[in-house]
């Protein structure tokens, strides 16, 4: 499983001709100035400010947490009385505060027994997981759907009743299916495209608030 920052681009290197992707943009510079590991932190910040996702004292699980910017932000928001656990195939190397624990493993294998007991119950599950991109949009969408669906299913095992979920996915043929899966599990839900999302990107986040449980007819049951 790929972490969300598997590829390291040189300054101003473009992914493909004509896409206009530049790694070092205004959000990249801001992240560097603010001491965050990655620009993606501002996507989480925007959702958190709009939806009060990370209150003081909350217990947060971050799936695909490397390189660590979401861990850094969540730890600040939940404070000393909160707990943050990050899971990724890659180790996180940025300094993290005492209320953060990281586990190096595949999130598909994760069980509550593997989590620190003082981090339970989990109030919020975050997933910024993205596949190793191939450049073939349909392939990347399929891989992204698989990761985001597995994050939704992981939350079934790990999230407390009434808890919240925020999952990234790439827009494509299965996006509605993912939205339906979240809609049936949570009291309220919506798709969000944060301002910090690159204009050329087709990623979107699904937010579910108020976990109710697994539906009897689950759109994800064929996985």
C-alpha atoms as a PDB file:
ATOM      1  CA  UNK A   1       0.000   0.000   0.000  1.00  0.00           C
ATOM      2  CA  UNK A   2       1.432   3.327  -0.977  1.00  0.00           C
ATOM      3  CA  UNK A   3       1.670   6.238   1.341  1.00  0.00           C
ATOM      4  CA  UNK A   4       0.350   9.508   0.053  1.00  0.00           C
ATOM      5  CA  UNK A   5       3.769  10.913  -0.762  1.00  0.00           C
ATOM      6  CA  UNK A   6       5.547   8.034  -2.428  1.00  0.00           C
ATOM      7  CA  UNK A   7       7.042  10.033  -5.244  1.00  0.00           C
ATOM      8  CA  UNK A   8       9.597  12.755  -4.783  1.00  0.00           C
ATOM      9  CA  UNK A   9       9.615  15.272  -7.607  1.00  0.00           C
ATOM     10  CA  UNK A  10      12.437  17.691  -8.224  1.00  0.00           C
ATOM     11  CA  UNK A  11      11.677  21.353  -7.971  1.00  0.00           C
ATOM     12  CA  UNK A  12       9.232  22.458 -10.662  1.00  0.00           C
ATOM     13  CA  UNK A  13       9.300  19.031 -12.283  1.00  0.00           C
ATOM     14  CA  UNK A  14       6.005  18.264 -13.979  1.00  0.00           C
ATOM     15  CA  UNK A  15       4.225  14.924 -13.770  1.00  0.00           C
ATOM     16  CA  UNK A  16       3.186  15.072 -17.422  1.00  0.00           C
ATOM     17  CA  UNK A  17       3.553  17.667 -20.157  1.00  0.00           C
ATOM     18  CA  UNK A  18       0.777  20.214 -20.034  1.00  0.00           C
ATOM     19  CA  UNK A  19      -0.610  19.356 -16.608  1.00  0.00           C
ATOM     20  CA  UNK A  20       1.000  22.407 -15.036  1.00  0.00           C
ATOM     21  CA  UNK A  21       1.739  20.472 -11.841  1.00  0.00           C
ATOM     22  CA  UNK A  22       4.415  22.155  -9.787  1.00  0.00           C
ATOM     23  CA  UNK A  23       5.399  20.645  -6.486  1.00  0.00           C
ATOM     24  CA  UNK A  24       6.611  23.933  -5.050  1.00  0.00           C
ATOM     25  CA  UNK A  25       3.489  26.101  -4.990  1.00  0.00           C
ATOM     26  CA  UNK A  26       2.099  28.582  -2.451  1.00  0.00           C
ATOM     27  CA  UNK A  27       0.849  25.815  -0.130  1.00  0.00           C
ATOM     28  CA  UNK A  28       4.178  24.009  -0.299  1.00  0.00           C
ATOM     29  CA  UNK A  29       5.957  27.223   0.722  1.00  0.00           C
ATOM     30  CA  UNK A  30       3.422  27.870   3.489  1.00  0.00           C
ATOM     31  CA  UNK A  31       3.867  24.329   4.842  1.00  0.00           C
ATOM     32  CA  UNK A  32       7.620  24.847   4.941  1.00  0.00           C
ATOM     33  CA  UNK A  33       7.197  28.186   6.747  1.00  0.00           C
ATOM     34  CA  UNK A  34       4.677  26.712   9.212  1.00  0.00           C
ATOM     35  CA  UNK A  35       6.835  23.673   9.955  1.00  0.00           C
ATOM     36  CA  UNK A  36       4.545  21.021   8.453  1.00  0.00           C
ATOM     37  CA  UNK A  37       5.780  17.926   6.629  1.00  0.00           C
ATOM     38  CA  UNK A  38       3.524  18.434   3.594  1.00  0.00           C
ATOM     39  CA  UNK A  39       1.149  20.892   1.926  1.00  0.00           C
ATOM     40  CA  UNK A  40      -1.784  18.470   2.354  1.00  0.00           C
ATOM     41  CA  UNK A  41      -2.127  19.740   5.932  1.00  0.00           C
ATOM     42  CA  UNK A  42      -4.168  22.714   4.663  1.00  0.00           C
ATOM     43  CA  UNK A  43      -6.833  20.402   3.246  1.00  0.00           C
ATOM     44  CA  UNK A  44      -7.339  18.863   6.684  1.00  0.00           C
ATOM     45  CA  UNK A  45      -7.244  22.297   8.328  1.00  0.00           C
ATOM     46  CA  UNK A  46      -9.995  23.591   6.030  1.00  0.00           C
ATOM     47  CA  UNK A  47     -12.288  20.616   6.722  1.00  0.00           C
ATOM     48  CA  UNK A  48     -11.573  20.760  10.453  1.00  0.00           C
ATOM     49  CA  UNK A  49     -12.349  24.471  10.686  1.00  0.00           C
ATOM     50  CA  UNK A  50     -15.624  24.053   8.779  1.00  0.00           C
ATOM     51  CA  UNK A  51     -16.804  20.886  10.535  1.00  0.00           C
ATOM     52  CA  UNK A  52     -15.107  20.908  13.982  1.00  0.00           C
ATOM     53  CA  UNK A  53     -13.658  17.512  13.209  1.00  0.00           C
ATOM     54  CA  UNK A  54     -10.804  17.509  15.755  1.00  0.00           C
ATOM     55  CA  UNK A  55     -11.949  18.894  19.140  1.00  0.00           C
ATOM     56  CA  UNK A  56      -9.683  18.961  22.204  1.00  0.00           C
ATOM     57  CA  UNK A  57      -9.411  15.522  23.806  1.00  0.00           C
ATOM     58  CA  UNK A  58     -10.391  13.568  20.676  1.00  0.00           C
ATOM     59  CA  UNK A  59      -8.800  10.233  19.769  1.00  0.00           C
ATOM     60  CA  UNK A  60      -7.735  10.250  16.097  1.00  0.00           C
ATOM     61  CA  UNK A  61      -6.538   7.489  13.757  1.00  0.00           C
ATOM     62  CA  UNK A  62      -4.669   8.620  10.602  1.00  0.00           C
ATOM     63  CA  UNK A  63      -4.414   5.933   7.894  1.00  0.00           C
ATOM     64  CA  UNK A  64      -1.565   6.476   5.422  1.00  0.00           C
ATOM     65  CA  UNK A  65      -0.026   9.053   7.720  1.00  0.00           C
ATOM     66  CA  UNK A  66       3.434   9.533   6.128  1.00  0.00           C
ATOM     67  CA  UNK A  67       5.139  11.965   5.852  1.00  0.00           C
ATOM     68  CA  UNK A  68       3.256  13.244   8.909  1.00  0.00           C
ATOM     69  CA  UNK A  69       1.637  16.655   8.333  1.00  0.00           C
ATOM     70  CA  UNK A  70      -1.841  15.413   9.298  1.00  0.00           C
ATOM     71  CA  UNK A  71      -0.382  13.883  12.475  1.00  0.00           C
ATOM     72  CA  UNK A  72       1.274  17.215  13.316  1.00  0.00           C
ATOM     73  CA  UNK A  73      -1.938  19.179  12.798  1.00  0.00           C
ATOM     74  CA  UNK A  74      -4.234  16.681  14.556  1.00  0.00           C
ATOM     75  CA  UNK A  75      -1.909  16.515  17.565  1.00  0.00           C
ATOM     76  CA  UNK A  76      -2.063  20.303  17.966  1.00  0.00           C
ATOM     77  CA  UNK A  77      -5.857  20.346  17.646  1.00  0.00           C
ATOM     78  CA  UNK A  78      -6.668  17.540  20.106  1.00  0.00           C
ATOM     79  CA  UNK A  79      -4.063  18.771  22.605  1.00  0.00           C
ATOM     80  CA  UNK A  80      -2.427  16.988  25.533  1.00  0.00           C
ATOM     81  CA  UNK A  81      -5.683  15.289  26.570  1.00  0.00           C
ATOM     82  CA  UNK A  82      -6.180  13.850  23.063  1.00  0.00           C
ATOM     83  CA  UNK A  83      -4.425  10.987  21.291  1.00  0.00           C
ATOM     84  CA  UNK A  84      -3.341  10.519  17.676  1.00  0.00           C
ATOM     85  CA  UNK A  85      -2.276   7.218  16.115  1.00  0.00           C
ATOM     86  CA  UNK A  86      -0.793   7.075  12.610  1.00  0.00           C
ATOM     87  CA  UNK A  87      -0.485   3.983  10.424  1.00  0.00           C
ATOM     88  CA  UNK A  88       1.596   3.695   7.250  1.00  0.00           C
ATOM     89  CA  UNK A  89       3.862   1.275   5.415  1.00  0.00           C
ATOM     90  CA  UNK A  90       6.565   3.957   5.657  1.00  0.00           C
ATOM     91  CA  UNK A  91       8.038   5.213   8.923  1.00  0.00           C
ATOM     92  CA  UNK A  92       7.327   8.842   9.816  1.00  0.00           C
ATOM     93  CA  UNK A  93      10.545  10.767  10.372  1.00  0.00           C
ATOM     94  CA  UNK A  94       9.315  14.236  11.361  1.00  0.00           C
ATOM     95  CA  UNK A  95       9.354  15.062  15.095  1.00  0.00           C
ATOM     96  CA  UNK A  96       5.977  14.406  16.703  1.00  0.00           C
ATOM     97  CA  UNK A  97       4.523  15.394  20.052  1.00  0.00           C
ATOM     98  CA  UNK A  98       4.063  12.983  22.983  1.00  0.00           C
ATOM     99  CA  UNK A  99       0.386  12.374  22.228  1.00  0.00           C
ATOM    100  CA  UNK A 100       1.210  10.751  18.859  1.00  0.00           C
ATOM    101  CA  UNK A 101       2.023   7.068  18.243  1.00  0.00           C
ATOM    102  CA  UNK A 102       2.909   5.692  14.806  1.00  0.00           C
ATOM    103  CA  UNK A 103       2.660   2.082  13.623  1.00  0.00           C
ATOM    104  CA  UNK A 104       4.444   0.751  10.521  1.00  0.00           C
ATOM    105  CA  UNK A 105       2.052  -1.773   9.002  1.00  0.00           C
ATOM    106  CA  UNK A 106      -0.607  -2.338   6.339  1.00  0.00           C
ATOM    107  CA  UNK A 107      -3.862  -0.745   7.458  1.00  0.00           C
ATOM    108  CA  UNK A 108      -5.769  -3.770   6.094  1.00  0.00           C
ATOM    109  CA  UNK A 109      -4.236  -5.794   8.967  1.00  0.00           C
ATOM    110  CA  UNK A 110      -5.016  -3.227  11.647  1.00  0.00           C
ATOM    111  CA  UNK A 111      -7.202  -4.268  14.589  1.00  0.00           C
ATOM    112  CA  UNK A 112      -8.170  -2.386  17.748  1.00  0.00           C
ATOM    113  CA  UNK A 113      -5.915  -4.788  19.694  1.00  0.00           C
ATOM    114  CA  UNK A 114      -2.901  -3.251  17.890  1.00  0.00           C
ATOM    115  CA  UNK A 115      -3.801   0.287  18.987  1.00  0.00           C
ATOM    116  CA  UNK A 116      -2.555   1.765  22.271  1.00  0.00           C
ATOM    117  CA  UNK A 117      -5.271   1.193  24.886  1.00  0.00           C
ATOM    118  CA  UNK A 118      -5.220   4.866  25.901  1.00  0.00           C
ATOM    119  CA  UNK A 119      -6.061   5.819  22.299  1.00  0.00           C
ATOM    120  CA  UNK A 120      -9.363   3.915  22.424  1.00  0.00           C
ATOM    121  CA  UNK A 121     -12.145   4.452  21.623  1.00  0.00           C
ATOM    122  CA  UNK A 122     -11.336   6.093  18.246  1.00  0.00           C
ATOM    123  CA  UNK A 123     -13.429   9.240  17.651  1.00  0.00           C
ATOM    124  CA  UNK A 124     -12.162  10.186  14.174  1.00  0.00           C
ATOM    125  CA  UNK A 125     -10.646   8.147  11.327  1.00  0.00           C
ATOM    126  CA  UNK A 126      -8.686  10.108   8.705  1.00  0.00           C
ATOM    127  CA  UNK A 127      -7.366   8.702   5.428  1.00  0.00           C
ATOM    128  CA  UNK A 128      -5.257  10.657   2.953  1.00  0.00           C
ATOM    129  CA  UNK A 129      -4.132   7.442   1.273  1.00  0.00           C
ATOM    130  CA  UNK A 130      -3.317   7.616  -2.418  1.00  0.00           C
ATOM    131  CA  UNK A 131      -2.002   4.904  -4.723  1.00  0.00           C
ATOM    132  CA  UNK A 132       1.312   4.942  -6.524  1.00  0.00           C
ATOM    133  CA  UNK A 133       0.023   6.761  -9.597  1.00  0.00           C
ATOM    134  CA  UNK A 134       0.551   5.190 -13.014  1.00  0.00           C
ATOM    135  CA  UNK A 135      -0.564   8.190 -15.061  1.00  0.00           C
ATOM    136  CA  UNK A 136      -3.395   6.088 -16.512  1.00  0.00           C
ATOM    137  CA  UNK A 137      -6.449   7.763 -15.058  1.00  0.00           C
ATOM    138  CA  UNK A 138      -8.780   4.732 -15.004  1.00  0.00           C
ATOM    139  CA  UNK A 139      -6.112   2.568 -13.338  1.00  0.00           C
ATOM    140  CA  UNK A 140      -5.350   5.244 -10.759  1.00  0.00           C
ATOM    141  CA  UNK A 141      -9.069   5.701 -10.034  1.00  0.00           C
ATOM    142  CA  UNK A 142      -9.525   1.968  -9.497  1.00  0.00           C
ATOM    143  CA  UNK A 143      -6.538   1.803  -7.154  1.00  0.00           C
ATOM    144  CA  UNK A 144      -7.699   4.891  -5.279  1.00  0.00           C
ATOM    145  CA  UNK A 145     -11.219   3.526  -4.910  1.00  0.00           C
ATOM    146  CA  UNK A 146      -9.810   0.305  -3.490  1.00  0.00           C
ATOM    147  CA  UNK A 147      -7.766   2.227  -0.896  1.00  0.00           C
ATOM    148  CA  UNK A 148     -10.587   4.584   0.065  1.00  0.00           C
ATOM    149  CA  UNK A 149     -13.079   1.705   0.302  1.00  0.00           C
ATOM    150  CA  UNK A 150     -10.674  -0.182   2.556  1.00  0.00           C
ATOM    151  CA  UNK A 151     -10.411   2.902   4.770  1.00  0.00           C
ATOM    152  CA  UNK A 152     -14.226   2.974   5.068  1.00  0.00           C
ATOM    153  CA  UNK A 153     -14.212  -0.738   5.959  1.00  0.00           C
ATOM    154  CA  UNK A 154     -11.363  -0.236   8.447  1.00  0.00           C
ATOM    155  CA  UNK A 155     -13.437   2.453  10.169  1.00  0.00           C
ATOM    156  CA  UNK A 156     -16.199  -0.150  10.596  1.00  0.00           C
ATOM    157  CA  UNK A 157     -13.794  -2.104  12.799  1.00  0.00           C
ATOM    158  CA  UNK A 158     -12.072   0.766  14.568  1.00  0.00           C
ATOM    159  CA  UNK A 159     -14.440   3.738  14.947  1.00  0.00           C
ATOM    160  CA  UNK A 160     -16.729   4.265  17.910  1.00  0.00           C
ATOM    161  CA  UNK A 161     -20.498   4.715  17.348  1.00  0.00           C
ATOM    162  CA  UNK A 162     -21.134   8.390  16.566  1.00  0.00           C
ATOM    163  CA  UNK A 163     -17.575   8.910  15.351  1.00  0.00           C
ATOM    164  CA  UNK A 164     -16.451  10.693  12.182  1.00  0.00           C
ATOM    165  CA  UNK A 165     -14.590   9.706   9.006  1.00  0.00           C
ATOM    166  CA  UNK A 166     -12.679  11.727   6.384  1.00  0.00           C
ATOM    167  CA  UNK A 167     -11.390   9.808   3.343  1.00  0.00           C
ATOM    168  CA  UNK A 168      -9.634  10.931   0.162  1.00  0.00           C
ATOM    169  CA  UNK A 169     -10.507   9.352  -3.186  1.00  0.00           C
ATOM    170  CA  UNK A 170      -9.928  10.061  -6.881  1.00  0.00           C
ATOM    171  CA  UNK A 171     -13.109  10.980  -8.739  1.00  0.00           C
ATOM    172  CA  UNK A 172     -14.200   8.287 -11.184  1.00  0.00           C
ATOM    173  CA  UNK A 173     -16.780   5.636 -11.921  1.00  0.00           C
ATOM    174  CA  UNK A 174     -16.771   4.275  -8.364  1.00  0.00           C
ATOM    175  CA  UNK A 175     -17.021   7.621  -6.570  1.00  0.00           C
ATOM    176  CA  UNK A 176     -20.813   7.406  -6.223  1.00  0.00           C
ATOM    177  CA  UNK A 177     -20.470   3.890  -4.828  1.00  0.00           C
ATOM    178  CA  UNK A 178     -18.058   5.148  -2.187  1.00  0.00           C
ATOM    179  CA  UNK A 179     -20.393   8.049  -1.348  1.00  0.00           C
ATOM    180  CA  UNK A 180     -23.314   5.625  -1.013  1.00  0.00           C
ATOM    181  CA  UNK A 181     -21.278   3.444   1.345  1.00  0.00           C
ATOM    182  CA  UNK A 182     -20.554   6.453   3.569  1.00  0.00           C
ATOM    183  CA  UNK A 183     -24.138   7.774   3.316  1.00  0.00           C
ATOM    184  CA  UNK A 184     -25.515   4.464   4.588  1.00  0.00           C
ATOM    185  CA  UNK A 185     -23.064   4.322   7.505  1.00  0.00           C
ATOM    186  CA  UNK A 186     -23.195   7.894   8.819  1.00  0.00           C
ATOM    187  CA  UNK A 187     -25.883  10.300  10.002  1.00  0.00           C
ATOM    188  CA  UNK A 188     -24.630  13.007   7.622  1.00  0.00           C
ATOM    189  CA  UNK A 189     -22.159  12.969   4.766  1.00  0.00           C
ATOM    190  CA  UNK A 190     -20.810  15.068   1.893  1.00  0.00           C
ATOM    191  CA  UNK A 191     -18.114  15.343  -0.753  1.00  0.00           C
ATOM    192  CA  UNK A 192     -15.552  18.107  -0.157  1.00  0.00           C
ATOM    193  CA  UNK A 193     -12.891  19.543  -2.473  1.00  0.00           C
ATOM    194  CA  UNK A 194     -10.628  21.694  -0.279  1.00  0.00           C
ATOM    195  CA  UNK A 195      -9.151  24.926  -1.630  1.00  0.00           C
ATOM    196  CA  UNK A 196      -5.594  23.592  -1.292  1.00  0.00           C
ATOM    197  CA  UNK A 197      -6.369  20.824  -3.798  1.00  0.00           C
ATOM    198  CA  UNK A 198      -4.304  21.348  -6.942  1.00  0.00           C
ATOM    199  CA  UNK A 199      -6.400  22.534  -9.890  1.00  0.00           C
ATOM    200  CA  UNK A 200      -5.216  19.633 -12.062  1.00  0.00           C
ATOM    201  CA  UNK A 201      -6.070  17.071  -9.385  1.00  0.00           C
ATOM    202  CA  UNK A 202      -9.219  14.957  -9.510  1.00  0.00           C
ATOM    203  CA  UNK A 203      -9.108  14.057  -5.827  1.00  0.00           C
ATOM    204  CA  UNK A 204     -12.045  14.676  -3.527  1.00  0.00           C
ATOM    205  CA  UNK A 205     -12.737  13.908   0.132  1.00  0.00           C
ATOM    206  CA  UNK A 206     -15.749  12.111   1.580  1.00  0.00           C
ATOM    207  CA  UNK A 207     -16.789  13.216   5.073  1.00  0.00           C
ATOM    208  CA  UNK A 208     -19.082  11.066   7.192  1.00  0.00           C
ATOM    209  CA  UNK A 209     -20.284  12.308  10.597  1.00  0.00           C
ATOM    210  CA  UNK A 210     -22.075  10.248  13.233  1.00  0.00           C
ATOM    211  CA  UNK A 211     -21.201   6.604  12.581  1.00  0.00           C
ATOM    212  CA  UNK A 212     -24.274   4.326  12.691  1.00  0.00           C
ATOM    213  CA  UNK A 213     -22.850   0.948  11.673  1.00  0.00           C
ATOM    214  CA  UNK A 214     -22.585  -1.295   8.626  1.00  0.00           C
ATOM    215  CA  UNK A 215     -25.705  -1.241   6.405  1.00  0.00           C
ATOM    216  CA  UNK A 216     -27.506  -4.513   5.617  1.00  0.00           C
ATOM    217  CA  UNK A 217     -26.974  -3.901   1.899  1.00  0.00           C
ATOM    218  CA  UNK A 218     -23.446  -2.565   1.670  1.00  0.00           C
ATOM    219  CA  UNK A 219     -22.203  -1.073  -1.640  1.00  0.00           C
ATOM    220  CA  UNK A 220     -18.724  -2.299  -0.653  1.00  0.00           C
ATOM    221  CA  UNK A 221     -19.602  -5.903   0.116  1.00  0.00           C
ATOM    222  CA  UNK A 222     -18.099  -7.215  -3.138  1.00  0.00           C
ATOM    223  CA  UNK A 223     -14.598  -6.058  -2.160  1.00  0.00           C
END
